[in-house]
Amino acid sequence: MTRFQEAIGLGLVLGVIHGLTTPAWSVPVVPNFTQGSMTSHTETTQRITETINSMDYNTGYQYSSTGSGVEPVGGTISPTTGSTNVTINGVNSSWTGVTETPTFRQTTPGAAFQFSETYSGPGLSNHTIIQRETEVTSVTDTTSIFQQ
């Protein structure tokens, strides 16, 4: 190694040592603006889908019979009742309903008569399905103003 190379190597070593021992001075950061503003815009959309399933049930039965010129066979005007089991959309239900209506005959064969019989049994009387979708959009605009 030549003297010149030794001098350069020694200079590098001294320079590194000097750099390690020199204190670091910080310079404060000062903003160079006087005023400004920032604006943000946010939109949120929410979609709600719902199904309303409403079922109305008759929990009993209604039976009526009326007339003139007729009479019940066997003397009774009450219907025979029994249990009715129904499954609708996976829902099991049981009600008491009419299984046999009374029998009527004319009191005077060939004469004028009137007879009416009505029956409304238990079970599902009305099924309403409402499906609706609601969309709600929320918009937020924000402006920030700042000064030095």
C-alpha atoms as a PDB file:
ATOM      1  CA  MET A   1       0.000   0.000   0.000  1.00  0.00           C
ATOM      2  CA  THR A   2       1.316   3.428  -0.836  1.00  0.00           C
ATOM      3  CA  ARG A   3       1.482   6.402   1.455  1.00  0.00           C
ATOM      4  CA  PHE A   4      -1.283   8.013  -0.498  1.00  0.00           C
ATOM      5  CA  GLN A   5      -3.617   5.044   0.005  1.00  0.00           C
ATOM      6  CA  GLU A   6      -2.768   4.946   3.740  1.00  0.00           C
ATOM      7  CA  ALA A   7      -3.609   8.639   4.041  1.00  0.00           C
ATOM      8  CA  ILE A   8      -6.969   8.177   2.326  1.00  0.00           C
ATOM      9  CA  GLY A   9      -7.823   5.181   4.558  1.00  0.00           C
ATOM     10  CA  LEU A  10      -6.874   7.137   7.710  1.00  0.00           C
ATOM     11  CA  GLY A  11      -8.951  10.107   6.506  1.00  0.00           C
ATOM     12  CA  LEU A  12     -11.999   7.885   6.006  1.00  0.00           C
ATOM     13  CA  VAL A  13     -11.647   6.384   9.475  1.00  0.00           C
ATOM     14  CA  LEU A  14     -11.305   9.822  11.074  1.00  0.00           C
ATOM     15  CA  GLY A  15     -14.277  11.115   9.072  1.00  0.00           C
ATOM     16  CA  VAL A  16     -16.464   8.237  10.268  1.00  0.00           C
ATOM     17  CA  ILE A  17     -15.413   8.756  13.899  1.00  0.00           C
ATOM     18  CA  HIS A  18     -16.080  12.482  13.587  1.00  0.00           C
ATOM     19  CA  GLY A  19     -19.555  11.760  12.184  1.00  0.00           C
ATOM     20  CA  LEU A  20     -20.348   9.489  15.104  1.00  0.00           C
ATOM     21  CA  THR A  21     -19.313  12.011  17.733  1.00  0.00           C
ATOM     22  CA  THR A  22     -20.894  15.133  16.193  1.00  0.00           C
ATOM     23  CA  PRO A  23     -24.279  15.986  17.810  1.00  0.00           C
ATOM     24  CA  ALA A  24     -27.334  16.045  15.545  1.00  0.00           C
ATOM     25  CA  TRP A  25     -29.301  19.269  15.597  1.00  0.00           C
ATOM     26  CA  SER A  26     -32.989  19.264  14.701  1.00  0.00           C
ATOM     27  CA  VAL A  27     -34.734  22.035  12.846  1.00  0.00           C
ATOM     28  CA  PRO A  28     -38.342  22.808  13.817  1.00  0.00           C
ATOM     29  CA  VAL A  29     -40.924  22.148  11.112  1.00  0.00           C
ATOM     30  CA  VAL A  30     -43.015  25.202  10.442  1.00  0.00           C
ATOM     31  CA  PRO A  31     -45.982  24.944   8.082  1.00  0.00           C
ATOM     32  CA  ASN A  32     -45.653  27.267   5.160  1.00  0.00           C
ATOM     33  CA  PHE A  33     -49.367  27.829   4.563  1.00  0.00           C
ATOM     34  CA  THR A  34     -51.661  30.422   6.059  1.00  0.00           C
ATOM     35  CA  GLN A  35     -55.069  28.820   5.547  1.00  0.00           C
ATOM     36  CA  GLY A  36     -56.748  25.884   3.840  1.00  0.00           C
ATOM     37  CA  SER A  37     -59.781  23.672   3.719  1.00  0.00           C
ATOM     38  CA  MET A  38     -60.593  20.006   3.308  1.00  0.00           C
ATOM     39  CA  THR A  39     -63.856  18.564   2.011  1.00  0.00           C
ATOM     40  CA  SER A  40     -65.036  14.953   2.297  1.00  0.00           C
ATOM     41  CA  HIS A  41     -68.104  13.269   0.792  1.00  0.00           C
ATOM     42  CA  THR A  42     -69.479   9.950   2.116  1.00  0.00           C
ATOM     43  CA  GLU A  43     -72.444   7.993   0.741  1.00  0.00           C
ATOM     44  CA  THR A  44     -73.858   4.879   2.429  1.00  0.00           C
ATOM     45  CA  THR A  45     -76.645   2.788   0.926  1.00  0.00           C
ATOM     46  CA  GLN A  46     -78.488   0.165   2.958  1.00  0.00           C
ATOM     47  CA  ARG A  47     -80.942  -2.281   1.352  1.00  0.00           C
ATOM     48  CA  ILE A  48     -83.459  -4.015   3.631  1.00  0.00           C
ATOM     49  CA  THR A  49     -85.547  -6.916   2.322  1.00  0.00           C
ATOM     50  CA  GLU A  50     -88.335  -8.240   4.521  1.00  0.00           C
ATOM     51  CA  THR A  51     -91.192 -10.704   4.239  1.00  0.00           C
ATOM     52  CA  ILE A  52     -94.318 -10.346   6.356  1.00  0.00           C
ATOM     53  CA  ASN A  53     -96.274 -13.593   6.577  1.00  0.00           C
ATOM     54  CA  SER A  54     -99.672 -13.175   8.249  1.00  0.00           C
ATOM     55  CA  MET A  55    -102.112 -16.056   8.833  1.00  0.00           C
ATOM     56  CA  ASP A  56    -105.610 -15.667  10.256  1.00  0.00           C
ATOM     57  CA  TYR A  57    -107.271 -18.760  11.730  1.00  0.00           C
ATOM     58  CA  ASN A  58    -110.819 -19.564  12.703  1.00  0.00           C
ATOM     59  CA  THR A  59    -110.446 -21.469  15.972  1.00  0.00           C
ATOM     60  CA  GLY A  60    -113.921 -22.997  15.964  1.00  0.00           C
ATOM     61  CA  TYR A  61    -116.844 -23.686  13.677  1.00  0.00           C
ATOM     62  CA  GLN A  62    -120.199 -22.091  12.902  1.00  0.00           C
ATOM     63  CA  TYR A  63    -123.155 -24.218  11.920  1.00  0.00           C
ATOM     64  CA  SER A  64    -126.740 -23.184  11.383  1.00  0.00           C
ATOM     65  CA  SER A  65    -129.812 -24.723   9.799  1.00  0.00           C
ATOM     66  CA  THR A  66    -133.198 -23.161   9.275  1.00  0.00           C
ATOM     67  CA  GLY A  67    -136.350 -23.914   7.360  1.00  0.00           C
ATOM     68  CA  SER A  68    -140.046 -24.539   7.364  1.00  0.00           C
ATOM     69  CA  GLY A  69    -141.883 -27.695   6.378  1.00  0.00           C
ATOM     70  CA  VAL A  70    -138.893 -29.824   7.481  1.00  0.00           C
ATOM     71  CA  GLU A  71    -137.962 -31.793  10.613  1.00  0.00           C
ATOM     72  CA  PRO A  72    -134.733 -33.422  11.821  1.00  0.00           C
ATOM     73  CA  VAL A  73    -134.382 -37.183  11.487  1.00  0.00           C
ATOM     74  CA  GLY A  74    -133.703 -38.650  14.921  1.00  0.00           C
ATOM     75  CA  GLY A  75    -134.922 -35.512  16.688  1.00  0.00           C
ATOM     76  CA  THR A  76    -131.560 -33.741  16.986  1.00  0.00           C
ATOM     77  CA  ILE A  77    -130.463 -30.596  15.192  1.00  0.00           C
ATOM     78  CA  SER A  78    -126.891 -30.580  16.597  1.00  0.00           C
ATOM     79  CA  PRO A  79    -124.076 -31.690  14.285  1.00  0.00           C
ATOM     80  CA  THR A  80    -121.579 -34.402  15.208  1.00  0.00           C
ATOM     81  CA  THR A  81    -118.120 -32.943  15.952  1.00  0.00           C
ATOM     82  CA  GLY A  82    -114.611 -34.329  15.847  1.00  0.00           C
ATOM     83  CA  SER A  83    -111.000 -33.329  15.802  1.00  0.00           C
ATOM     84  CA  THR A  84    -109.468 -32.003  12.587  1.00  0.00           C
ATOM     85  CA  ASN A  85    -105.686 -32.073  12.130  1.00  0.00           C
ATOM     86  CA  VAL A  86    -104.184 -29.759   9.529  1.00  0.00           C
ATOM     87  CA  THR A  87    -100.589 -29.043   8.436  1.00  0.00           C
ATOM     88  CA  ILE A  88    -100.036 -25.782   6.539  1.00  0.00           C
ATOM     89  CA  ASN A  89     -96.500 -24.711   5.610  1.00  0.00           C
ATOM     90  CA  GLY A  90     -95.057 -27.040   8.243  1.00  0.00           C
ATOM     91  CA  VAL A  91     -97.331 -25.736  11.028  1.00  0.00           C
ATOM     92  CA  ASN A  92     -99.418 -28.483  12.639  1.00  0.00           C
ATOM     93  CA  SER A  93    -102.788 -27.423  14.054  1.00  0.00           C
ATOM     94  CA  SER A  94    -105.762 -29.244  15.548  1.00  0.00           C
ATOM     95  CA  TRP A  95    -109.344 -27.964  15.859  1.00  0.00           C
ATOM     96  CA  THR A  96    -112.744 -29.295  16.625  1.00  0.00           C
ATOM     97  CA  GLY A  97    -115.043 -29.196  13.640  1.00  0.00           C
ATOM     98  CA  VAL A  98    -118.250 -30.728  12.328  1.00  0.00           C
ATOM     99  CA  THR A  99    -117.847 -34.277  11.025  1.00  0.00           C
ATOM    100  CA  GLU A 100    -121.506 -34.963  10.230  1.00  0.00           C
ATOM    101  CA  THR A 101    -124.467 -32.627   9.838  1.00  0.00           C
ATOM    102  CA  PRO A 102    -127.970 -33.632  10.949  1.00  0.00           C
ATOM    103  CA  THR A 103    -130.404 -35.069   8.432  1.00  0.00           C
ATOM    104  CA  PHE A 104    -133.732 -33.354   7.701  1.00  0.00           C
ATOM    105  CA  ARG A 105    -136.894 -34.555   5.896  1.00  0.00           C
ATOM    106  CA  GLN A 106    -140.091 -32.912   4.679  1.00  0.00           C
ATOM    107  CA  THR A 107    -142.895 -33.014   7.204  1.00  0.00           C
ATOM    108  CA  THR A 108    -145.525 -33.345   4.465  1.00  0.00           C
ATOM    109  CA  PRO A 109    -144.194 -34.951   1.277  1.00  0.00           C
ATOM    110  CA  GLY A 110    -145.072 -32.913  -1.796  1.00  0.00           C
ATOM    111  CA  ALA A 111    -145.943 -29.808   0.224  1.00  0.00           C
ATOM    112  CA  ALA A 112    -144.040 -26.523   0.048  1.00  0.00           C
ATOM    113  CA  PHE A 113    -140.907 -26.228   2.208  1.00  0.00           C
ATOM    114  CA  GLN A 114    -137.800 -24.101   2.741  1.00  0.00           C
ATOM    115  CA  PHE A 115    -134.452 -25.286   4.071  1.00  0.00           C
ATOM    116  CA  SER A 116    -131.050 -23.589   4.478  1.00  0.00           C
ATOM    117  CA  GLU A 117    -127.900 -24.977   6.058  1.00  0.00           C
ATOM    118  CA  THR A 118    -124.551 -23.110   6.484  1.00  0.00           C
ATOM    119  CA  TYR A 119    -121.245 -24.292   7.863  1.00  0.00           C
ATOM    120  CA  SER A 120    -117.965 -22.432   8.356  1.00  0.00           C
ATOM    121  CA  GLY A 121    -115.255 -24.714   9.688  1.00  0.00           C
ATOM    122  CA  PRO A 122    -112.068 -24.085  11.641  1.00  0.00           C
ATOM    123  CA  GLY A 123    -108.736 -23.540   9.967  1.00  0.00           C
ATOM    124  CA  LEU A 124    -106.917 -21.005   7.891  1.00  0.00           C
ATOM    125  CA  SER A 125    -109.280 -18.229   6.808  1.00  0.00           C
ATOM    126  CA  ASN A 126    -106.787 -15.739   5.347  1.00  0.00           C
ATOM    127  CA  HIS A 127    -103.119 -15.937   4.366  1.00  0.00           C
ATOM    128  CA  THR A 128    -101.355 -12.677   3.457  1.00  0.00           C
ATOM    129  CA  ILE A 129     -97.743 -12.480   2.277  1.00  0.00           C
ATOM    130  CA  ILE A 130     -96.155  -9.042   1.920  1.00  0.00           C
ATOM    131  CA  GLN A 131     -92.653  -8.803   0.479  1.00  0.00           C
ATOM    132  CA  ARG A 132     -90.998  -5.415   0.389  1.00  0.00           C
ATOM    133  CA  GLU A 133     -87.580  -3.960  -0.176  1.00  0.00           C
ATOM    134  CA  THR A 134     -86.491  -0.658   1.328  1.00  0.00           C
ATOM    135  CA  GLU A 135     -83.386   1.232   0.230  1.00  0.00           C
ATOM    136  CA  VAL A 136     -81.993   3.986   2.455  1.00  0.00           C
ATOM    137  CA  THR A 137     -79.176   6.240   1.262  1.00  0.00           C
ATOM    138  CA  SER A 138     -77.293   8.471   3.700  1.00  0.00           C
ATOM    139  CA  VAL A 139     -75.104  11.313   2.370  1.00  0.00           C
ATOM    140  CA  THR A 140     -72.603  13.196   4.541  1.00  0.00           C
ATOM    141  CA  ASP A 141     -70.622  16.193   3.264  1.00  0.00           C
ATOM    142  CA  THR A 142     -68.009  17.642   5.632  1.00  0.00           C
ATOM    143  CA  THR A 143     -65.870  20.744   5.155  1.00  0.00           C
ATOM    144  CA  SER A 144     -63.005  21.587   7.517  1.00  0.00           C
ATOM    145  CA  ILE A 145     -61.421  25.073   7.422  1.00  0.00           C
ATOM    146  CA  PHE A 146     -58.097  25.731   9.168  1.00  0.00           C
ATOM    147  CA  GLN A 147     -55.745  28.697   9.607  1.00  0.00           C
ATOM    148  CA  GLN A 148     -52.291  29.195  11.012  1.00  0.00           C
END
